[in-house]
Amino acid sequence: MSLRAVPAPSPTRDRETLEQCWRRLAAGRPSWTLDLLDVVGPHVPVPPSGEGDVARYRDLPWPDAAALLARLPAERLLDHQNAAPSLGSLLRAAVAHPGEVELHGYLVPPNRADERLSAEGLVVYDHPELDAFRLVESDAPCTGTGCECRAFWASVQASFGLEDAGGGPQVIDPCTCRRTGRRGWWLWWT
């Protein structure tokens, strides 16, 4: 009987952290978003895999929204994801409504000319009055179905001071918070 040598397992490479990824992509160039990673990073479940990929964040709560408001210059707060409310308006809504509004969006990496922090939507919790609106499936057209998505958006917009939006979200879906189990509404501008 002969014994074959079993090769030792190859050492696994640790997954790159978001900060390591950002520093690598900055390649020594200045990066203003690098200074935001301590706030946004904990909400990025997976660092970007490709050179030009964005880092998506979710569940950004009011304390982190307040930190971003304190750090970002006024011109950065004007960023809009398509017709979404401005980054500043969304951050202020989260701060003004602690525990009721959380944000989701993305960071564009420093190796791209359009490096930025963007909010592409929000999650609204603990507003049972929103359950009264009749909404159809996100991929179904609202016309002729009795869908009340426009009225739903008008209620959210008025409740949270999101007047600078260029239009309503393209997606409105019921959701459940992964951390707390609370029911809410996920709004997204694609």
C-alpha atoms as a PDB file:
ATOM      1  CA  MET A   1       0.000   0.000   0.000  1.00  0.00           C
ATOM      2  CA  SER A   2       1.415   3.379  -0.937  1.00  0.00           C
ATOM      3  CA  LEU A   3       0.569   6.651   0.679  1.00  0.00           C
ATOM      4  CA  ARG A   4       0.089   9.587  -1.586  1.00  0.00           C
ATOM      5  CA  ALA A   5       1.014  12.932  -0.268  1.00  0.00           C
ATOM      6  CA  VAL A   6      -1.982  15.156   0.137  1.00  0.00           C
ATOM      7  CA  PRO A   7      -1.101  18.694  -0.802  1.00  0.00           C
ATOM      8  CA  ALA A   8      -1.509  21.238   1.941  1.00  0.00           C
ATOM      9  CA  PRO A   9      -4.438  23.524   1.376  1.00  0.00           C
ATOM     10  CA  SER A  10      -3.432  26.760  -0.269  1.00  0.00           C
ATOM     11  CA  PRO A  11      -3.669  29.740   2.018  1.00  0.00           C
ATOM     12  CA  THR A  12      -6.869  31.627   1.439  1.00  0.00           C
ATOM     13  CA  ARG A  13      -6.523  35.253   0.563  1.00  0.00           C
ATOM     14  CA  ASP A  14      -8.463  37.421   2.931  1.00  0.00           C
ATOM     15  CA  ARG A  15     -11.265  39.330   1.300  1.00  0.00           C
ATOM     16  CA  GLU A  16     -10.259  42.905   0.599  1.00  0.00           C
ATOM     17  CA  THR A  17     -11.954  45.433   2.858  1.00  0.00           C
ATOM     18  CA  LEU A  18     -13.750  48.421   1.426  1.00  0.00           C
ATOM     19  CA  GLU A  19     -11.011  50.735   2.676  1.00  0.00           C
ATOM     20  CA  GLN A  20      -8.285  48.580   1.095  1.00  0.00           C
ATOM     21  CA  CYS A  21     -10.249  48.542  -2.151  1.00  0.00           C
ATOM     22  CA  TRP A  22     -10.703  52.339  -2.097  1.00  0.00           C
ATOM     23  CA  ARG A  23      -7.018  52.975  -1.358  1.00  0.00           C
ATOM     24  CA  ARG A  24      -5.990  50.606  -4.173  1.00  0.00           C
ATOM     25  CA  LEU A  25      -8.368  52.298  -6.624  1.00  0.00           C
ATOM     26  CA  ALA A  26      -7.224  55.773  -5.557  1.00  0.00           C
ATOM     27  CA  ALA A  27      -3.662  54.722  -6.462  1.00  0.00           C
ATOM     28  CA  GLY A  28      -2.190  57.610  -4.515  1.00  0.00           C
ATOM     29  CA  ARG A  29      -4.586  60.210  -5.933  1.00  0.00           C
ATOM     30  CA  PRO A  30      -6.702  62.315  -3.555  1.00  0.00           C
ATOM     31  CA  SER A  31     -10.089  60.766  -2.808  1.00  0.00           C
ATOM     32  CA  TRP A  32     -12.765  62.691  -0.938  1.00  0.00           C
ATOM     33  CA  THR A  33     -14.977  59.593  -0.578  1.00  0.00           C
ATOM     34  CA  LEU A  34     -12.178  57.786   1.282  1.00  0.00           C
ATOM     35  CA  ASP A  35     -12.923  60.113   4.198  1.00  0.00           C
ATOM     36  CA  LEU A  36     -16.517  58.817   4.329  1.00  0.00           C
ATOM     37  CA  LEU A  37     -15.771  55.100   4.593  1.00  0.00           C
ATOM     38  CA  ASP A  38     -15.843  55.023   8.384  1.00  0.00           C
ATOM     39  CA  VAL A  39     -19.489  56.153   8.191  1.00  0.00           C
ATOM     40  CA  VAL A  40     -20.733  54.445   5.024  1.00  0.00           C
ATOM     41  CA  GLY A  41     -18.491  51.358   5.078  1.00  0.00           C
ATOM     42  CA  PRO A  42     -20.393  49.439   7.785  1.00  0.00           C
ATOM     43  CA  HIS A  43     -23.462  49.584   5.518  1.00  0.00           C
ATOM     44  CA  VAL A  44     -21.682  48.149   2.460  1.00  0.00           C
ATOM     45  CA  PRO A  45     -22.264  44.391   2.601  1.00  0.00           C
ATOM     46  CA  VAL A  46     -19.838  43.541  -0.225  1.00  0.00           C
ATOM     47  CA  PRO A  47     -16.928  45.633  -1.566  1.00  0.00           C
ATOM     48  CA  PRO A  48     -16.987  46.206  -5.324  1.00  0.00           C
ATOM     49  CA  SER A  49     -15.403  43.412  -7.325  1.00  0.00           C
ATOM     50  CA  GLY A  50     -14.402  45.270 -10.486  1.00  0.00           C
ATOM     51  CA  GLU A  51     -12.292  48.355 -11.060  1.00  0.00           C
ATOM     52  CA  GLY A  52     -15.244  50.552 -12.033  1.00  0.00           C
ATOM     53  CA  ASP A  53     -17.930  48.953  -9.860  1.00  0.00           C
ATOM     54  CA  VAL A  54     -19.761  50.995  -7.259  1.00  0.00           C
ATOM     55  CA  ALA A  55     -20.002  50.082  -3.580  1.00  0.00           C
ATOM     56  CA  ARG A  56     -23.677  49.735  -2.698  1.00  0.00           C
ATOM     57  CA  TYR A  57     -24.773  50.652   0.814  1.00  0.00           C
ATOM     58  CA  ARG A  58     -28.059  49.950   2.577  1.00  0.00           C
ATOM     59  CA  ASP A  59     -29.746  50.546   5.933  1.00  0.00           C
ATOM     60  CA  LEU A  60     -27.984  53.888   6.542  1.00  0.00           C
ATOM     61  CA  PRO A  61     -29.604  55.164   9.785  1.00  0.00           C
ATOM     62  CA  TRP A  62     -29.992  58.675  11.143  1.00  0.00           C
ATOM     63  CA  PRO A  63     -26.752  58.908  13.201  1.00  0.00           C
ATOM     64  CA  ASP A  64     -24.710  58.153  10.091  1.00  0.00           C
ATOM     65  CA  ALA A  65     -26.856  60.513   8.015  1.00  0.00           C
ATOM     66  CA  ALA A  66     -26.084  63.230  10.586  1.00  0.00           C
ATOM     67  CA  ALA A  67     -22.350  62.471  10.369  1.00  0.00           C
ATOM     68  CA  LEU A  68     -22.456  62.766   6.577  1.00  0.00           C
ATOM     69  CA  LEU A  69     -24.371  66.054   6.759  1.00  0.00           C
ATOM     70  CA  ALA A  70     -21.676  67.417   9.052  1.00  0.00           C
ATOM     71  CA  ARG A  71     -18.816  66.312   6.765  1.00  0.00           C
ATOM     72  CA  LEU A  72     -20.072  66.966   3.259  1.00  0.00           C
ATOM     73  CA  PRO A  73     -19.762  70.403   1.672  1.00  0.00           C
ATOM     74  CA  ALA A  74     -22.976  71.961   0.385  1.00  0.00           C
ATOM     75  CA  GLU A  75     -22.207  71.237  -3.287  1.00  0.00           C
ATOM     76  CA  ARG A  76     -21.929  67.479  -2.582  1.00  0.00           C
ATOM     77  CA  LEU A  77     -25.368  67.497  -0.943  1.00  0.00           C
ATOM     78  CA  LEU A  78     -26.929  68.604  -4.235  1.00  0.00           C
ATOM     79  CA  ASP A  79     -26.264  65.230  -5.909  1.00  0.00           C
ATOM     80  CA  HIS A  80     -29.380  63.581  -7.359  1.00  0.00           C
ATOM     81  CA  GLN A  81     -29.776  59.977  -8.521  1.00  0.00           C
ATOM     82  CA  ASN A  82     -31.885  60.626 -11.605  1.00  0.00           C
ATOM     83  CA  ALA A  83     -35.196  62.114 -10.354  1.00  0.00           C
ATOM     84  CA  ALA A  84     -34.610  61.209  -6.689  1.00  0.00           C
ATOM     85  CA  PRO A  85     -34.552  63.857  -3.991  1.00  0.00           C
ATOM     86  CA  SER A  86     -31.106  65.341  -3.430  1.00  0.00           C
ATOM     87  CA  LEU A  87     -28.599  63.600  -1.205  1.00  0.00           C
ATOM     88  CA  GLY A  88     -28.973  66.473   1.263  1.00  0.00           C
ATOM     89  CA  SER A  89     -32.770  66.166   1.407  1.00  0.00           C
ATOM     90  CA  LEU A  90     -32.599  62.420   1.978  1.00  0.00           C
ATOM     91  CA  LEU A  91     -29.930  62.761   4.688  1.00  0.00           C
ATOM     92  CA  ARG A  92     -31.986  65.474   6.421  1.00  0.00           C
ATOM     93  CA  ALA A  93     -35.116  63.285   6.258  1.00  0.00           C
ATOM     94  CA  ALA A  94     -33.266  60.437   7.983  1.00  0.00           C
ATOM     95  CA  VAL A  95     -31.971  62.800  10.694  1.00  0.00           C
ATOM     96  CA  ALA A  96     -35.369  64.457  11.241  1.00  0.00           C
ATOM     97  CA  HIS A  97     -37.126  61.081  11.502  1.00  0.00           C
ATOM     98  CA  PRO A  98     -34.844  58.813  13.565  1.00  0.00           C
ATOM     99  CA  GLY A  99     -35.693  55.148  13.162  1.00  0.00           C
ATOM    100  CA  GLU A 100     -38.361  55.893  10.556  1.00  0.00           C
ATOM    101  CA  VAL A 101     -36.166  56.607   7.515  1.00  0.00           C
ATOM    102  CA  GLU A 102     -33.063  54.745   6.359  1.00  0.00           C
ATOM    103  CA  LEU A 103     -31.222  55.305   3.112  1.00  0.00           C
ATOM    104  CA  HIS A 104     -29.693  53.170   0.395  1.00  0.00           C
ATOM    105  CA  GLY A 105     -27.409  54.093  -2.468  1.00  0.00           C
ATOM    106  CA  TYR A 106     -23.838  53.773  -3.641  1.00  0.00           C
ATOM    107  CA  LEU A 107     -20.315  55.158  -3.563  1.00  0.00           C
ATOM    108  CA  VAL A 108     -18.553  55.675  -6.881  1.00  0.00           C
ATOM    109  CA  PRO A 109     -14.858  54.747  -6.496  1.00  0.00           C
ATOM    110  CA  PRO A 110     -11.972  57.209  -6.690  1.00  0.00           C
ATOM    111  CA  ASN A 111     -10.573  55.827  -9.934  1.00  0.00           C
ATOM    112  CA  ARG A 112     -13.598  57.174 -11.810  1.00  0.00           C
ATOM    113  CA  ALA A 113     -14.047  60.771 -12.892  1.00  0.00           C
ATOM    114  CA  ASP A 114     -17.552  60.783 -11.368  1.00  0.00           C
ATOM    115  CA  GLU A 115     -16.429  59.817  -7.831  1.00  0.00           C
ATOM    116  CA  ARG A 116     -19.351  60.522  -5.516  1.00  0.00           C
ATOM    117  CA  LEU A 117     -21.720  59.449  -2.763  1.00  0.00           C
ATOM    118  CA  SER A 118     -25.255  59.039  -4.014  1.00  0.00           C
ATOM    119  CA  ALA A 119     -28.541  58.098  -2.353  1.00  0.00           C
ATOM    120  CA  GLU A 120     -30.892  56.314  -4.709  1.00  0.00           C
ATOM    121  CA  GLY A 121     -33.705  55.691  -2.287  1.00  0.00           C
ATOM    122  CA  LEU A 122     -35.074  55.331   1.181  1.00  0.00           C
ATOM    123  CA  VAL A 123     -36.930  52.891   3.383  1.00  0.00           C
ATOM    124  CA  VAL A 124     -39.825  54.246   5.437  1.00  0.00           C
ATOM    125  CA  TYR A 125     -40.764  52.358   8.623  1.00  0.00           C
ATOM    126  CA  ASP A 126     -43.599  52.721  11.122  1.00  0.00           C
ATOM    127  CA  HIS A 127     -46.054  54.611   8.933  1.00  0.00           C
ATOM    128  CA  PRO A 128     -49.155  52.387   8.875  1.00  0.00           C
ATOM    129  CA  GLU A 129     -51.134  55.069   7.017  1.00  0.00           C
ATOM    130  CA  LEU A 130     -49.097  54.149   3.939  1.00  0.00           C
ATOM    131  CA  ASP A 131     -50.645  50.661   4.003  1.00  0.00           C
ATOM    132  CA  ALA A 132     -53.984  52.206   2.964  1.00  0.00           C
ATOM    133  CA  PHE A 133     -52.693  53.011  -0.537  1.00  0.00           C
ATOM    134  CA  ARG A 134     -53.412  50.514  -3.309  1.00  0.00           C
ATOM    135  CA  LEU A 135     -50.204  49.695  -5.153  1.00  0.00           C
ATOM    136  CA  VAL A 136     -49.690  47.243  -7.992  1.00  0.00           C
ATOM    137  CA  GLU A 137     -46.602  45.078  -8.530  1.00  0.00           C
ATOM    138  CA  SER A 138     -43.482  47.134  -9.286  1.00  0.00           C
ATOM    139  CA  ASP A 139     -43.114  45.733 -12.788  1.00  0.00           C
ATOM    140  CA  ALA A 140     -46.774  46.282 -13.713  1.00  0.00           C
ATOM    141  CA  PRO A 141     -47.879  49.587 -15.243  1.00  0.00           C
ATOM    142  CA  CYS A 142     -49.982  51.769 -12.952  1.00  0.00           C
ATOM    143  CA  THR A 143     -52.224  53.145 -15.668  1.00  0.00           C
ATOM    144  CA  GLY A 144     -55.728  51.754 -15.590  1.00  0.00           C
ATOM    145  CA  THR A 145     -55.160  49.532 -12.545  1.00  0.00           C
ATOM    146  CA  GLY A 146     -56.298  51.869  -9.796  1.00  0.00           C
ATOM    147  CA  CYS A 147     -52.734  52.062  -8.478  1.00  0.00           C
ATOM    148  CA  GLU A 148     -52.253  54.911  -6.036  1.00  0.00           C
ATOM    149  CA  CYS A 149     -48.465  55.190  -6.327  1.00  0.00           C
ATOM    150  CA  ARG A 150     -48.611  58.915  -7.082  1.00  0.00           C
ATOM    151  CA  ALA A 151     -50.707  59.597  -3.977  1.00  0.00           C
ATOM    152  CA  PHE A 152     -48.398  57.319  -1.960  1.00  0.00           C
ATOM    153  CA  TRP A 153     -45.357  59.281  -3.133  1.00  0.00           C
ATOM    154  CA  ALA A 154     -47.089  62.632  -2.443  1.00  0.00           C
ATOM    155  CA  SER A 155     -47.719  61.489   1.143  1.00  0.00           C
ATOM    156  CA  VAL A 156     -44.098  60.379   1.642  1.00  0.00           C
ATOM    157  CA  GLN A 157     -42.772  63.534  -0.007  1.00  0.00           C
ATOM    158  CA  ALA A 158     -44.858  65.804   2.241  1.00  0.00           C
ATOM    159  CA  SER A 159     -44.148  63.803   5.420  1.00  0.00           C
ATOM    160  CA  PHE A 160     -40.375  63.852   5.016  1.00  0.00           C
ATOM    161  CA  GLY A 161     -39.652  67.145   3.225  1.00  0.00           C
ATOM    162  CA  LEU A 162     -38.507  65.682  -0.086  1.00  0.00           C
ATOM    163  CA  GLU A 163     -39.769  68.517  -2.296  1.00  0.00           C
ATOM    164  CA  ASP A 164     -36.656  68.691  -4.481  1.00  0.00           C
ATOM    165  CA  ALA A 165     -37.358  65.341  -6.165  1.00  0.00           C
ATOM    166  CA  GLY A 166     -37.783  65.482  -9.919  1.00  0.00           C
ATOM    167  CA  GLY A 167     -40.451  62.772  -9.758  1.00  0.00           C
ATOM    168  CA  GLY A 168     -41.642  59.770  -7.835  1.00  0.00           C
ATOM    169  CA  PRO A 169     -39.674  56.563  -7.364  1.00  0.00           C
ATOM    170  CA  GLN A 170     -39.733  53.890 -10.049  1.00  0.00           C
ATOM    171  CA  VAL A 171     -40.023  51.143  -7.427  1.00  0.00           C
ATOM    172  CA  ILE A 172     -42.192  51.087  -4.307  1.00  0.00           C
ATOM    173  CA  ASP A 173     -42.174  47.735  -2.534  1.00  0.00           C
ATOM    174  CA  PRO A 174     -43.206  46.541   0.905  1.00  0.00           C
ATOM    175  CA  CYS A 175     -40.221  45.258   2.873  1.00  0.00           C
ATOM    176  CA  THR A 176     -39.197  43.865   6.222  1.00  0.00           C
ATOM    177  CA  CYS A 177     -36.125  45.131   8.053  1.00  0.00           C
ATOM    178  CA  ARG A 178     -33.440  42.429   8.213  1.00  0.00           C
ATOM    179  CA  ARG A 179     -32.303  43.608  11.645  1.00  0.00           C
ATOM    180  CA  THR A 180     -35.565  44.335  13.466  1.00  0.00           C
ATOM    181  CA  GLY A 181     -38.350  42.611  11.535  1.00  0.00           C
ATOM    182  CA  ARG A 182     -40.254  45.908  11.213  1.00  0.00           C
ATOM    183  CA  ARG A 183     -42.432  46.380   8.171  1.00  0.00           C
ATOM    184  CA  GLY A 184     -41.754  49.256   5.858  1.00  0.00           C
ATOM    185  CA  TRP A 185     -41.711  50.557   2.316  1.00  0.00           C
ATOM    186  CA  TRP A 186     -38.667  50.472   0.040  1.00  0.00           C
ATOM    187  CA  LEU A 187     -38.525  53.351  -2.471  1.00  0.00           C
ATOM    188  CA  TRP A 188     -35.974  53.351  -5.270  1.00  0.00           C
ATOM    189  CA  TRP A 189     -35.119  55.708  -8.114  1.00  0.00           C
ATOM    190  CA  THR A 190     -33.462  53.552 -10.775  1.00  0.00           C
END
